[in-house]
Amino acid sequence: MRGLQWIKLWIWQDERGQGMVEYALIIALIAIVVIVALTPAGNMIKQLFDNIVATLTPAG
């Protein structure tokens, strides 16, 4: 029984993967912010290029 208690204590105190998980969460948060910020900008850029194409296309 004593060995089982040591294994439980070792598992709860092992924090080697904690840093990697924190970095993954930060990267995911940054990705979400970038996607949310660039979606309206992408629509505005598309509209700008559509206007340029419409202006350059000869009316025929």
N, C-alpha and C. Protein backbone atom coordinates (compact mmCIF):
# COMPACT_ATOMS: atom_id res chain seq x y z
N MET A 1 0.83 -1.21 0.00
CA MET A 1 0.00 0.00 0.00
C MET A 1 0.86 1.25 0.00
N ARG A 2 2.00 1.17 0.63
CA ARG A 2 2.88 2.33 0.71
C ARG A 2 3.38 2.73 -0.68
N GLY A 3 3.66 1.77 -1.54
CA GLY A 3 4.11 2.06 -2.89
C GLY A 3 3.04 2.79 -3.69
N LEU A 4 1.78 2.41 -3.51
CA LEU A 4 0.68 3.05 -4.22
C LEU A 4 0.54 4.51 -3.79
N GLN A 5 0.72 4.79 -2.53
CA GLN A 5 0.65 6.17 -2.05
C GLN A 5 1.78 7.00 -2.67
N TRP A 6 2.95 6.42 -2.81
CA TRP A 6 4.09 7.13 -3.40
C TRP A 6 3.81 7.46 -4.87
N ILE A 7 3.19 6.52 -5.59
CA ILE A 7 2.87 6.76 -7.00
C ILE A 7 1.84 7.88 -7.11
N LYS A 8 0.82 7.88 -6.28
CA LYS A 8 -0.18 8.95 -6.31
C LYS A 8 0.47 10.30 -6.01
N LEU A 9 1.34 10.34 -5.03
CA LEU A 9 2.03 11.58 -4.67
C LEU A 9 2.91 12.04 -5.82
N TRP A 10 3.59 11.12 -6.49
CA TRP A 10 4.47 11.46 -7.61
C TRP A 10 3.66 12.00 -8.79
N ILE A 11 2.51 11.42 -9.06
CA ILE A 11 1.67 11.88 -10.18
C ILE A 11 1.15 13.29 -9.90
N TRP A 12 0.71 13.56 -8.69
CA TRP A 12 0.15 14.87 -8.38
C TRP A 12 1.22 15.96 -8.34
N GLN A 13 2.45 15.60 -8.05
CA GLN A 13 3.51 16.60 -7.95
C GLN A 13 4.29 16.76 -9.25
N ASP A 14 4.08 15.91 -10.22
CA ASP A 14 4.80 15.97 -11.48
C ASP A 14 4.21 17.09 -12.33
N GLU A 15 4.97 18.16 -12.55
CA GLU A 15 4.49 19.32 -13.29
C GLU A 15 5.33 19.57 -14.54
N ARG A 16 5.96 18.56 -15.08
CA ARG A 16 6.83 18.74 -16.23
C ARG A 16 6.05 19.19 -17.47
N GLY A 17 4.84 18.71 -17.67
CA GLY A 17 4.06 19.07 -18.85
C GLY A 17 3.25 20.35 -18.69
N GLN A 18 3.28 20.93 -17.51
CA GLN A 18 2.46 22.11 -17.23
C GLN A 18 2.86 23.29 -18.11
N GLY A 19 4.14 23.52 -18.29
CA GLY A 19 4.60 24.64 -19.10
C GLY A 19 4.15 24.52 -20.54
N MET A 20 4.22 23.33 -21.09
CA MET A 20 3.82 23.11 -22.47
C MET A 20 2.32 23.35 -22.64
N VAL A 21 1.54 22.94 -21.69
CA VAL A 21 0.09 23.16 -21.76
C VAL A 21 -0.21 24.65 -21.70
N GLU A 22 0.49 25.38 -20.84
CA GLU A 22 0.29 26.82 -20.74
C GLU A 22 0.63 27.51 -22.06
N TYR A 23 1.74 27.12 -22.68
CA TYR A 23 2.11 27.70 -23.97
C TYR A 23 1.06 27.37 -25.03
N ALA A 24 0.55 26.16 -25.03
CA ALA A 24 -0.48 25.78 -26.00
C ALA A 24 -1.74 26.62 -25.81
N LEU A 25 -2.12 26.87 -24.58
CA LEU A 25 -3.31 27.70 -24.31
C LEU A 25 -3.09 29.14 -24.76
N ILE A 26 -1.89 29.66 -24.54
CA ILE A 26 -1.58 31.02 -24.97
C ILE A 26 -1.63 31.12 -26.49
N ILE A 27 -1.04 30.14 -27.18
CA ILE A 27 -1.04 30.14 -28.64
C ILE A 27 -2.47 30.04 -29.17
N ALA A 28 -3.28 29.20 -28.55
CA ALA A 28 -4.68 29.07 -28.98
C ALA A 28 -5.42 30.39 -28.79
N LEU A 29 -5.19 31.06 -27.68
CA LEU A 29 -5.85 32.34 -27.42
C LEU A 29 -5.41 33.38 -28.44
N ILE A 30 -4.12 33.44 -28.74
CA ILE A 30 -3.63 34.38 -29.74
C ILE A 30 -4.25 34.08 -31.11
N ALA A 31 -4.34 32.81 -31.46
CA ALA A 31 -4.93 32.43 -32.75
C ALA A 31 -6.39 32.89 -32.84
N ILE A 32 -7.14 32.72 -31.77
CA ILE A 32 -8.54 33.13 -31.76
C ILE A 32 -8.65 34.64 -31.92
N VAL A 33 -7.80 35.39 -31.22
CA VAL A 33 -7.82 36.85 -31.32
C VAL A 33 -7.47 37.30 -32.73
N VAL A 34 -6.49 36.66 -33.35
CA VAL A 34 -6.09 37.03 -34.71
C VAL A 34 -7.21 36.73 -35.70
N ILE A 35 -7.85 35.59 -35.57
CA ILE A 35 -8.95 35.24 -36.47
C ILE A 35 -10.10 36.23 -36.33
N VAL A 36 -10.45 36.55 -35.09
CA VAL A 36 -11.55 37.50 -34.86
C VAL A 36 -11.19 38.88 -35.40
N ALA A 37 -9.94 39.29 -35.26
CA ALA A 37 -9.53 40.62 -35.70
C ALA A 37 -9.42 40.69 -37.23
N LEU A 38 -8.98 39.63 -37.87
CA LEU A 38 -8.74 39.68 -39.31
C LEU A 38 -9.97 39.39 -40.16
N THR A 39 -10.99 38.82 -39.60
CA THR A 39 -12.19 38.52 -40.38
C THR A 39 -12.83 39.79 -40.95
N PRO A 40 -13.08 40.82 -40.16
CA PRO A 40 -13.63 42.05 -40.75
C PRO A 40 -12.64 42.71 -41.71
N ALA A 41 -11.37 42.67 -41.39
CA ALA A 41 -10.37 43.27 -42.27
C ALA A 41 -10.33 42.54 -43.60
N GLY A 42 -10.47 41.23 -43.59
CA GLY A 42 -10.50 40.46 -44.82
C GLY A 42 -11.67 40.82 -45.69
N ASN A 43 -12.81 41.05 -45.08
CA ASN A 43 -14.00 41.46 -45.85
C ASN A 43 -13.80 42.84 -46.46
N MET A 44 -13.17 43.75 -45.72
CA MET A 44 -12.92 45.10 -46.25
C MET A 44 -11.92 45.04 -47.41
N ILE A 45 -10.89 44.22 -47.29
CA ILE A 45 -9.91 44.08 -48.36
C ILE A 45 -10.54 43.48 -49.60
N LYS A 46 -11.41 42.48 -49.42
CA LYS A 46 -12.11 41.89 -50.56
C LYS A 46 -12.97 42.93 -51.27
N GLN A 47 -13.67 43.73 -50.49
CA GLN A 47 -14.52 44.77 -51.07
C GLN A 47 -13.67 45.79 -51.82
N LEU A 48 -12.52 46.15 -51.29
CA LEU A 48 -11.62 47.09 -51.96
C LEU A 48 -11.17 46.54 -53.31
N PHE A 49 -10.76 45.28 -53.36
CA PHE A 49 -10.33 44.69 -54.62
C PHE A 49 -11.50 44.54 -55.60
N ASP A 50 -12.67 44.23 -55.10
CA ASP A 50 -13.85 44.15 -55.97
C ASP A 50 -14.13 45.51 -56.62
N ASN A 51 -13.97 46.58 -55.84
CA ASN A 51 -14.17 47.93 -56.38
C ASN A 51 -13.11 48.26 -57.43
N ILE A 52 -11.87 47.86 -57.19
CA ILE A 52 -10.79 48.11 -58.16
C ILE A 52 -11.07 47.36 -59.46
N VAL A 53 -11.47 46.10 -59.35
CA VAL A 53 -11.78 45.30 -60.54
C VAL A 53 -12.94 45.91 -61.29
N ALA A 54 -13.97 46.34 -60.58
CA ALA A 54 -15.13 46.93 -61.24
C ALA A 54 -14.74 48.23 -61.94
N THR A 55 -13.82 48.98 -61.37
CA THR A 55 -13.39 50.24 -61.97
C THR A 55 -12.54 49.98 -63.21
N LEU A 56 -11.69 48.97 -63.18
CA LEU A 56 -10.79 48.69 -64.28
C LEU A 56 -11.44 47.91 -65.42
N THR A 57 -12.54 47.24 -65.13
CA THR A 57 -13.23 46.47 -66.16
C THR A 57 -14.00 47.41 -67.07
N PRO A 58 -13.78 47.32 -68.37
CA PRO A 58 -14.51 48.23 -69.29
C PRO A 58 -16.01 47.91 -69.29
N ALA A 59 -16.80 48.93 -69.32
CA ALA A 59 -18.25 48.74 -69.36
C ALA A 59 -18.62 48.31 -70.78
N GLY A 60 -19.19 47.16 -70.88
CA GLY A 60 -19.49 46.70 -72.23
C GLY A 60 -20.66 45.87 -72.26
